[in-house]
Amino acid sequence: MSPVFRREDGYVFRIFSNEEERIHIHVFKADSEAKFWLEPEIALAENYGFGSKEIKKITQLLKQYGNEFKRQFAAHIGKRIDD
């Protein structure tokens, strides 16, 4: 099971360590899921069920917590961000 990085407004933010190395995060709420790239900039990679208003809200949260998520991702994967 992948670690939960944050829970906010019903959203759950987590990663899966067996995926690609590019820094990203998965966001879950109810039956919806989205994947966002965190580098080189925040961008939606995949969306399964979130509406445009929710994607906008998630994007705002990612901008707010993006650096924290990048550090958590690097710690979980075992790499420094600037490697």
PDB file of N, CA and C in Angstrom:
ATOM      1  N   MET A   1       0.839  -1.179   0.000  1.00  0.00           N
ATOM      2  CA  MET A   1       0.000   0.000   0.000  1.00  0.00           C
ATOM      3  C   MET A   1       0.881   1.238   0.000  1.00  0.00           C
ATOM      4  N   SER A   2       0.515   2.211  -0.764  1.00  0.00           N
ATOM      5  CA  SER A   2       1.297   3.434  -0.851  1.00  0.00           C
ATOM      6  C   SER A   2       0.975   4.352   0.323  1.00  0.00           C
ATOM      7  N   PRO A   3       1.967   5.134   0.741  1.00  0.00           N
ATOM      8  CA  PRO A   3       1.733   6.016   1.886  1.00  0.00           C
ATOM      9  C   PRO A   3       0.803   7.172   1.524  1.00  0.00           C
ATOM     10  N   VAL A   4       0.041   7.604   2.504  1.00  0.00           N
ATOM     11  CA  VAL A   4      -0.795   8.793   2.349  1.00  0.00           C
ATOM     12  C   VAL A   4       0.061   9.990   2.721  1.00  0.00           C
ATOM     13  N   PHE A   5       0.177  10.941   1.819  1.00  0.00           N
ATOM     14  CA  PHE A   5       0.973  12.139   2.080  1.00  0.00           C
ATOM     15  C   PHE A   5       0.145  13.215   2.758  1.00  0.00           C
ATOM     16  N   ARG A   6      -1.136  13.268   2.434  1.00  0.00           N
ATOM     17  CA  ARG A   6      -1.997  14.296   2.999  1.00  0.00           C
ATOM     18  C   ARG A   6      -3.445  13.926   2.749  1.00  0.00           C
ATOM     19  N   ARG A   7      -4.295  14.366   3.667  1.00  0.00           N
ATOM     20  CA  ARG A   7      -5.750  14.293   3.503  1.00  0.00           C
ATOM     21  C   ARG A   7      -6.282  15.702   3.703  1.00  0.00           C
ATOM     22  N   GLU A   8      -7.042  16.172   2.745  1.00  0.00           N
ATOM     23  CA  GLU A   8      -7.607  17.513   2.856  1.00  0.00           C
ATOM     24  C   GLU A   8      -8.858  17.620   1.998  1.00  0.00           C
ATOM     25  N   ASP A   9      -9.917  18.195   2.586  1.00  0.00           N
ATOM     26  CA  ASP A   9     -11.187  18.419   1.885  1.00  0.00           C
ATOM     27  C   ASP A   9     -11.725  17.143   1.243  1.00  0.00           C
ATOM     28  N   GLY A  10     -11.475  16.002   1.856  1.00  0.00           N
ATOM     29  CA  GLY A  10     -11.945  14.730   1.317  1.00  0.00           C
ATOM     30  C   GLY A  10     -11.013  14.096   0.301  1.00  0.00           C
ATOM     31  N   TYR A  11      -9.968  14.807  -0.090  1.00  0.00           N
ATOM     32  CA  TYR A  11      -8.997  14.285  -1.048  1.00  0.00           C
ATOM     33  C   TYR A  11      -7.892  13.549  -0.292  1.00  0.00           C
ATOM     34  N   VAL A  12      -7.419  12.475  -0.892  1.00  0.00           N
ATOM     35  CA  VAL A  12      -6.299  11.719  -0.336  1.00  0.00           C
ATOM     36  C   VAL A  12      -5.177  11.763  -1.370  1.00  0.00           C
ATOM     37  N   PHE A  13      -3.995  12.202  -0.934  1.00  0.00           N
ATOM     38  CA  PHE A  13      -2.838  12.358  -1.810  1.00  0.00           C
ATOM     39  C   PHE A  13      -1.825  11.268  -1.470  1.00  0.00           C
ATOM     40  N   ARG A  14      -1.432  10.468  -2.478  1.00  0.00           N
ATOM     41  CA  ARG A  14      -0.468   9.382  -2.251  1.00  0.00           C
ATOM     42  C   ARG A  14       0.322   9.090  -3.506  1.00  0.00           C
ATOM     43  N   ILE A  15       1.403   8.310  -3.343  1.00  0.00           N
ATOM     44  CA  ILE A  15       2.185   7.870  -4.499  1.00  0.00           C
ATOM     45  C   ILE A  15       2.282   6.353  -4.490  1.00  0.00           C
ATOM     46  N   PHE A  16       2.718   5.827  -5.614  1.00  0.00           N
ATOM     47  CA  PHE A  16       2.999   4.403  -5.760  1.00  0.00           C
ATOM     48  C   PHE A  16       4.462   4.294  -6.177  1.00  0.00           C
ATOM     49  N   SER A  17       5.265   3.629  -5.384  1.00  0.00           N
ATOM     50  CA  SER A  17       6.705   3.617  -5.622  1.00  0.00           C
ATOM     51  C   SER A  17       7.133   2.721  -6.777  1.00  0.00           C
ATOM     52  N   ASN A  18       6.236   1.922  -7.313  1.00  0.00           N
ATOM     53  CA  ASN A  18       6.628   1.037  -8.413  1.00  0.00           C
ATOM     54  C   ASN A  18       6.345   1.658  -9.780  1.00  0.00           C
ATOM     55  N   GLU A  19       6.105   2.944  -9.820  1.00  0.00           N
ATOM     56  CA  GLU A  19       5.856   3.626 -11.083  1.00  0.00           C
ATOM     57  C   GLU A  19       7.115   4.350 -11.551  1.00  0.00           C
ATOM     58  N   GLU A  20       6.948   5.188 -12.557  1.00  0.00           N
ATOM     59  CA  GLU A  20       8.076   5.911 -13.125  1.00  0.00           C
ATOM     60  C   GLU A  20       8.696   6.866 -12.106  1.00  0.00           C
ATOM     61  N   GLU A  21       9.920   7.288 -12.398  1.00  0.00           N
ATOM     62  CA  GLU A  21      10.679   8.125 -11.479  1.00  0.00           C
ATOM     63  C   GLU A  21      10.256   9.584 -11.499  1.00  0.00           C
ATOM     64  N   ARG A  22       9.627  10.023 -12.568  1.00  0.00           N
ATOM     65  CA  ARG A  22       9.194  11.426 -12.640  1.00  0.00           C
ATOM     66  C   ARG A  22       8.259  11.705 -11.463  1.00  0.00           C
ATOM     67  N   ILE A  23       8.505  12.803 -10.780  1.00  0.00           N
ATOM     68  CA  ILE A  23       7.757  13.107  -9.561  1.00  0.00           C
ATOM     69  C   ILE A  23       6.301  13.386  -9.889  1.00  0.00           C
ATOM     70  N   HIS A  24       5.433  12.646  -9.224  1.00  0.00           N
ATOM     71  CA  HIS A  24       3.999  12.751  -9.459  1.00  0.00           C
ATOM     72  C   HIS A  24       3.245  12.348  -8.196  1.00  0.00           C
ATOM     73  N   ILE A  25       1.956  12.608  -8.196  1.00  0.00           N
ATOM     74  CA  ILE A  25       1.124  12.240  -7.064  1.00  0.00           C
ATOM     75  C   ILE A  25      -0.248  11.818  -7.575  1.00  0.00           C
ATOM     76  N   HIS A  26      -0.849  10.870  -6.877  1.00  0.00           N
ATOM     77  CA  HIS A  26      -2.205  10.424  -7.178  1.00  0.00           C
ATOM     78  C   HIS A  26      -3.148  11.045  -6.172  1.00  0.00           C
ATOM     79  N   VAL A  27      -4.320  11.439  -6.638  1.00  0.00           N
ATOM     80  CA  VAL A  27      -5.325  12.050  -5.772  1.00  0.00           C
ATOM     81  C   VAL A  27      -6.601  11.224  -5.887  1.00  0.00           C
ATOM     82  N   PHE A  28      -7.156  10.881  -4.735  1.00  0.00           N
ATOM     83  CA  PHE A  28      -8.365  10.059  -4.672  1.00  0.00           C
ATOM     84  C   PHE A  28      -9.453  10.780  -3.889  1.00  0.00           C
ATOM     85  N   LYS A  29     -10.674  10.566  -4.290  1.00  0.00           N
ATOM     86  CA  LYS A  29     -11.846  11.009  -3.523  1.00  0.00           C
ATOM     87  C   LYS A  29     -13.019  10.176  -4.007  1.00  0.00           C
ATOM     88  N   ALA A  30     -13.631   9.443  -3.063  1.00  0.00           N
ATOM     89  CA  ALA A  30     -14.725   8.535  -3.408  1.00  0.00           C
ATOM     90  C   ALA A  30     -14.264   7.589  -4.526  1.00  0.00           C
ATOM     91  N   ASP A  31     -14.969   7.575  -5.651  1.00  0.00           N
ATOM     92  CA  ASP A  31     -14.614   6.681  -6.749  1.00  0.00           C
ATOM     93  C   ASP A  31     -13.773   7.361  -7.833  1.00  0.00           C
ATOM     94  N   SER A  32     -13.281   8.551  -7.562  1.00  0.00           N
ATOM     95  CA  SER A  32     -12.502   9.293  -8.556  1.00  0.00           C
ATOM     96  C   SER A  32     -11.010   9.223  -8.234  1.00  0.00           C
ATOM     97  N   GLU A  33     -10.218   9.320  -9.285  1.00  0.00           N
ATOM     98  CA  GLU A  33      -8.761   9.310  -9.143  1.00  0.00           C
ATOM     99  C   GLU A  33      -8.147  10.168 -10.244  1.00  0.00           C
ATOM    100  N   ALA A  34      -7.087  10.872  -9.880  1.00  0.00           N
ATOM    101  CA  ALA A  34      -6.331  11.640 -10.872  1.00  0.00           C
ATOM    102  C   ALA A  34      -4.850  11.510 -10.551  1.00  0.00           C
ATOM    103  N   LYS A  35      -4.044  11.647 -11.569  1.00  0.00           N
ATOM    104  CA  LYS A  35      -2.593  11.627 -11.425  1.00  0.00           C
ATOM    105  C   LYS A  35      -2.080  12.961 -11.938  1.00  0.00           C
ATOM    106  N   PHE A  36      -1.212  13.584 -11.146  1.00  0.00           N
ATOM    107  CA  PHE A  36      -0.638  14.868 -11.519  1.00  0.00           C
ATOM    108  C   PHE A  36       0.871  14.777 -11.518  1.00  0.00           C
ATOM    109  N   TRP A  37       1.483  15.359 -12.544  1.00  0.00           N
ATOM    110  CA  TRP A  37       2.930  15.548 -12.545  1.00  0.00           C
ATOM    111  C   TRP A  37       3.224  16.729 -11.638  1.00  0.00           C
ATOM    112  N   LEU A  38       4.314  16.646 -10.885  1.00  0.00           N
ATOM    113  CA  LEU A  38       4.744  17.758 -10.043  1.00  0.00           C
ATOM    114  C   LEU A  38       5.979  18.445 -10.609  1.00  0.00           C
ATOM    115  N   GLU A  39       6.535  17.874 -11.676  1.00  0.00           N
ATOM    116  CA  GLU A  39       7.694  18.476 -12.335  1.00  0.00           C
ATOM    117  C   GLU A  39       7.580  18.260 -13.829  1.00  0.00           C
ATOM    118  N   PRO A  40       8.084  19.098 -14.666  1.00  0.00           N
ATOM    119  CA  PRO A  40       8.737  20.350 -14.310  1.00  0.00           C
ATOM    120  C   PRO A  40       7.757  21.392 -13.762  1.00  0.00           C
ATOM    121  N   GLU A  41       6.458  21.175 -13.998  1.00  0.00           N
ATOM    122  CA  GLU A  41       5.420  22.019 -13.408  1.00  0.00           C
ATOM    123  C   GLU A  41       4.223  21.133 -13.113  1.00  0.00           C
ATOM    124  N   ILE A  42       3.312  21.630 -12.324  1.00  0.00           N
ATOM    125  CA  ILE A  42       2.114  20.857 -11.982  1.00  0.00           C
ATOM    126  C   ILE A  42       1.245  20.740 -13.223  1.00  0.00           C
ATOM    127  N   ALA A  43       0.911  19.491 -13.565  1.00  0.00           N
ATOM    128  CA  ALA A  43       0.104  19.242 -14.759  1.00  0.00           C
ATOM    129  C   ALA A  43      -0.695  17.957 -14.570  1.00  0.00           C
ATOM    130  N   LEU A  44      -1.917  17.967 -15.037  1.00  0.00           N
ATOM    131  CA  LEU A  44      -2.764  16.781 -14.972  1.00  0.00           C
ATOM    132  C   LEU A  44      -2.248  15.738 -15.960  1.00  0.00           C
ATOM    133  N   ALA A  45      -1.999  14.531 -15.464  1.00  0.00           N
ATOM    134  CA  ALA A  45      -1.536  13.440 -16.324  1.00  0.00           C
ATOM    135  C   ALA A  45      -2.697  12.533 -16.715  1.00  0.00           C
ATOM    136  N   GLU A  46      -3.536  12.181 -15.751  1.00  0.00           N
ATOM    137  CA  GLU A  46      -4.677  11.297 -15.994  1.00  0.00           C
ATOM    138  C   GLU A  46      -5.817  11.699 -15.065  1.00  0.00           C
ATOM    139  N   ASN A  47      -7.044  11.521 -15.525  1.00  0.00           N
ATOM    140  CA  ASN A  47      -8.213  11.848 -14.711  1.00  0.00           C
ATOM    141  C   ASN A  47      -9.295  10.800 -14.928  1.00  0.00           C
ATOM    142  N   TYR A  48      -9.754  10.241 -13.828  1.00  0.00           N
ATOM    143  CA  TYR A  48     -10.819   9.245 -13.873  1.00  0.00           C
ATOM    144  C   TYR A  48     -11.923   9.673 -12.917  1.00  0.00           C
ATOM    145  N   GLY A  49     -12.806  10.557 -13.390  1.00  0.00           N
ATOM    146  CA  GLY A  49     -14.002  10.876 -12.644  1.00  0.00           C
ATOM    147  C   GLY A  49     -14.111  12.245 -12.010  1.00  0.00           C
ATOM    148  N   PHE A  50     -13.037  13.014 -11.917  1.00  0.00           N
ATOM    149  CA  PHE A  50     -13.135  14.342 -11.335  1.00  0.00           C
ATOM    150  C   PHE A  50     -13.668  15.337 -12.365  1.00  0.00           C
ATOM    151  N   GLY A  51     -14.546  16.230 -11.914  1.00  0.00           N
ATOM    152  CA  GLY A  51     -15.036  17.312 -12.761  1.00  0.00           C
ATOM    153  C   GLY A  51     -14.026  18.445 -12.821  1.00  0.00           C
ATOM    154  N   SER A  52     -14.253  19.388 -13.704  1.00  0.00           N
ATOM    155  CA  SER A  52     -13.299  20.483 -13.906  1.00  0.00           C
ATOM    156  C   SER A  52     -13.131  21.344 -12.656  1.00  0.00           C
ATOM    157  N   LYS A  53     -14.196  21.562 -11.882  1.00  0.00           N
ATOM    158  CA  LYS A  53     -14.069  22.354 -10.655  1.00  0.00           C
ATOM    159  C   LYS A  53     -13.190  21.639  -9.633  1.00  0.00           C
ATOM    160  N   GLU A  54     -13.336  20.325  -9.547  1.00  0.00           N
ATOM    161  CA  GLU A  54     -12.504  19.569  -8.614  1.00  0.00           C
ATOM    162  C   GLU A  54     -11.042  19.552  -9.065  1.00  0.00           C
ATOM    163  N   ILE A  55     -10.813  19.421 -10.353  1.00  0.00           N
ATOM    164  CA  ILE A  55      -9.434  19.452 -10.869  1.00  0.00           C
ATOM    165  C   ILE A  55      -8.795  20.795 -10.538  1.00  0.00           C
ATOM    166  N   LYS A  56      -9.552  21.872 -10.654  1.00  0.00           N
ATOM    167  CA  LYS A  56      -9.038  23.196 -10.322  1.00  0.00           C
ATOM    168  C   LYS A  56      -8.703  23.270  -8.830  1.00  0.00           C
ATOM    169  N   LYS A  57      -9.575  22.755  -7.972  1.00  0.00           N
ATOM    170  CA  LYS A  57      -9.333  22.755  -6.529  1.00  0.00           C
ATOM    171  C   LYS A  57      -8.097  21.923  -6.192  1.00  0.00           C
ATOM    172  N   ILE A  58      -7.977  20.740  -6.790  1.00  0.00           N
ATOM    173  CA  ILE A  58      -6.810  19.881  -6.553  1.00  0.00           C
ATOM    174  C   ILE A  58      -5.534  20.580  -6.999  1.00  0.00           C
ATOM    175  N   THR A  59      -5.584  21.220  -8.147  1.00  0.00           N
ATOM    176  CA  THR A  59      -4.419  21.940  -8.662  1.00  0.00           C
ATOM    177  C   THR A  59      -3.993  23.030  -7.685  1.00  0.00           C
ATOM    178  N   GLN A  60      -4.955  23.735  -7.106  1.00  0.00           N
ATOM    179  CA  GLN A  60      -4.632  24.761  -6.104  1.00  0.00           C
ATOM    180  C   GLN A  60      -3.956  24.137  -4.892  1.00  0.00           C
ATOM    181  N   LEU A  61      -4.461  22.994  -4.429  1.00  0.00           N
ATOM    182  CA  LEU A  61      -3.844  22.309  -3.291  1.00  0.00           C
ATOM    183  C   LEU A  61      -2.432  21.851  -3.633  1.00  0.00           C
ATOM    184  N   LEU A  62      -2.243  21.377  -4.848  1.00  0.00           N
ATOM    185  CA  LEU A  62      -0.913  20.937  -5.265  1.00  0.00           C
ATOM    186  C   LEU A  62       0.062  22.104  -5.338  1.00  0.00           C
ATOM    187  N   LYS A  63      -0.406  23.262  -5.757  1.00  0.00           N
ATOM    188  CA  LYS A  63       0.458  24.441  -5.760  1.00  0.00           C
ATOM    189  C   LYS A  63       0.828  24.833  -4.336  1.00  0.00           C
ATOM    190  N   GLN A  64      -0.118  24.675  -3.423  1.00  0.00           N
ATOM    191  CA  GLN A  64       0.125  25.021  -2.026  1.00  0.00           C
ATOM    192  C   GLN A  64       1.107  24.062  -1.365  1.00  0.00           C
ATOM    193  N   TYR A  65       0.973  22.777  -1.631  1.00  0.00           N
ATOM    194  CA  TYR A  65       1.768  21.755  -0.958  1.00  0.00           C
ATOM    195  C   TYR A  65       2.807  21.086  -1.860  1.00  0.00           C
ATOM    196  N   GLY A  66       2.990  21.590  -3.062  1.00  0.00           N
ATOM    197  CA  GLY A  66       3.850  20.931  -4.045  1.00  0.00           C
ATOM    198  C   GLY A  66       5.258  20.637  -3.578  1.00  0.00           C
ATOM    199  N   ASN A  67       5.908  21.601  -2.950  1.00  0.00           N
ATOM    200  CA  ASN A  67       7.286  21.375  -2.501  1.00  0.00           C
ATOM    201  C   ASN A  67       7.336  20.311  -1.410  1.00  0.00           C
ATOM    202  N   GLU A  68       6.354  20.325  -0.532  1.00  0.00           N
ATOM    203  CA  GLU A  68       6.275  19.291   0.512  1.00  0.00           C
ATOM    204  C   GLU A  68       6.085  17.909  -0.119  1.00  0.00           C
ATOM    205  N   PHE A  69       5.202  17.821  -1.109  1.00  0.00           N
ATOM    206  CA  PHE A  69       4.973  16.539  -1.789  1.00  0.00           C
ATOM    207  C   PHE A  69       6.235  16.060  -2.495  1.00  0.00           C
ATOM    208  N   LYS A  70       6.978  16.975  -3.101  1.00  0.00           N
ATOM    209  CA  LYS A  70       8.226  16.595  -3.784  1.00  0.00           C
ATOM    210  C   LYS A  70       9.228  16.014  -2.792  1.00  0.00           C
ATOM    211  N   ARG A  71       9.356  16.638  -1.625  1.00  0.00           N
ATOM    212  CA  ARG A  71      10.263  16.121  -0.598  1.00  0.00           C
ATOM    213  C   ARG A  71       9.806  14.750  -0.110  1.00  0.00           C
ATOM    214  N   GLN A  72       8.511  14.595   0.102  1.00  0.00           N
ATOM    215  CA  GLN A  72       7.981  13.306   0.556  1.00  0.00           C
ATOM    216  C   GLN A  72       8.186  12.229  -0.505  1.00  0.00           C
ATOM    217  N   PHE A  73       7.979  12.582  -1.754  1.00  0.00           N
ATOM    218  CA  PHE A  73       8.185  11.649  -2.852  1.00  0.00           C
ATOM    219  C   PHE A  73       9.635  11.180  -2.860  1.00  0.00           C
ATOM    220  N   ALA A  74      10.568  12.148  -2.794  1.00  0.00           N
ATOM    221  CA  ALA A  74      11.990  11.816  -2.825  1.00  0.00           C
ATOM    222  C   ALA A  74      12.372  10.935  -1.639  1.00  0.00           C
ATOM    223  N   ALA A  75      11.854  11.242  -0.466  1.00  0.00           N
ATOM    224  CA  ALA A  75      12.163  10.440   0.726  1.00  0.00           C
ATOM    225  C   ALA A  75      11.613   9.030   0.582  1.00  0.00           C
ATOM    226  N   HIS A  76      10.420   8.903   0.038  1.00  0.00           N
ATOM    227  CA  HIS A  76       9.804   7.588  -0.113  1.00  0.00           C
ATOM    228  C   HIS A  76      10.553   6.743  -1.155  1.00  0.00           C
ATOM    229  N   ILE A  77      10.944   7.369  -2.236  1.00  0.00           N
ATOM    230  CA  ILE A  77      11.641   6.677  -3.308  1.00  0.00           C
ATOM    231  C   ILE A  77      13.114   6.460  -2.938  1.00  0.00           C
ATOM    232  N   GLY A  78      13.637   7.291  -2.042  1.00  0.00           N
ATOM    233  CA  GLY A  78      15.024   7.143  -1.614  1.00  0.00           C
ATOM    234  C   GLY A  78      16.017   7.932  -2.441  1.00  0.00           C
ATOM    235  N   LYS A  79      15.540   9.007  -3.052  1.00  0.00           N
ATOM    236  CA  LYS A  79      16.417   9.839  -3.875  1.00  0.00           C
ATOM    237  C   LYS A  79      16.262  11.280  -3.468  1.00  0.00           C
ATOM    238  N   ARG A  80      17.313  12.070  -3.721  1.00  0.00           N
ATOM    239  CA  ARG A  80      17.205  13.506  -3.556  1.00  0.00           C
ATOM    240  C   ARG A  80      16.576  14.084  -4.810  1.00  0.00           C
ATOM    241  N   ILE A  81      15.839  15.165  -4.645  1.00  0.00           N
ATOM    242  CA  ILE A  81      15.158  15.789  -5.774  1.00  0.00           C
ATOM    243  C   ILE A  81      16.141  16.314  -6.805  1.00  0.00           C
ATOM    244  N   ASP A  82      17.290  16.831  -6.362  1.00  0.00           N
ATOM    245  CA  ASP A  82      18.233  17.447  -7.304  1.00  0.00           C
ATOM    246  C   ASP A  82      19.273  16.478  -7.838  1.00  0.00           C
ATOM    247  N   ASP A  83      19.087  15.185  -7.668  1.00  0.00           N
ATOM    248  CA  ASP A  83      20.018  14.196  -8.236  1.00  0.00           C
ATOM    249  C   ASP A  83      19.910  14.169  -9.740  1.00  0.00           C
TER     250      ASP A  83
END
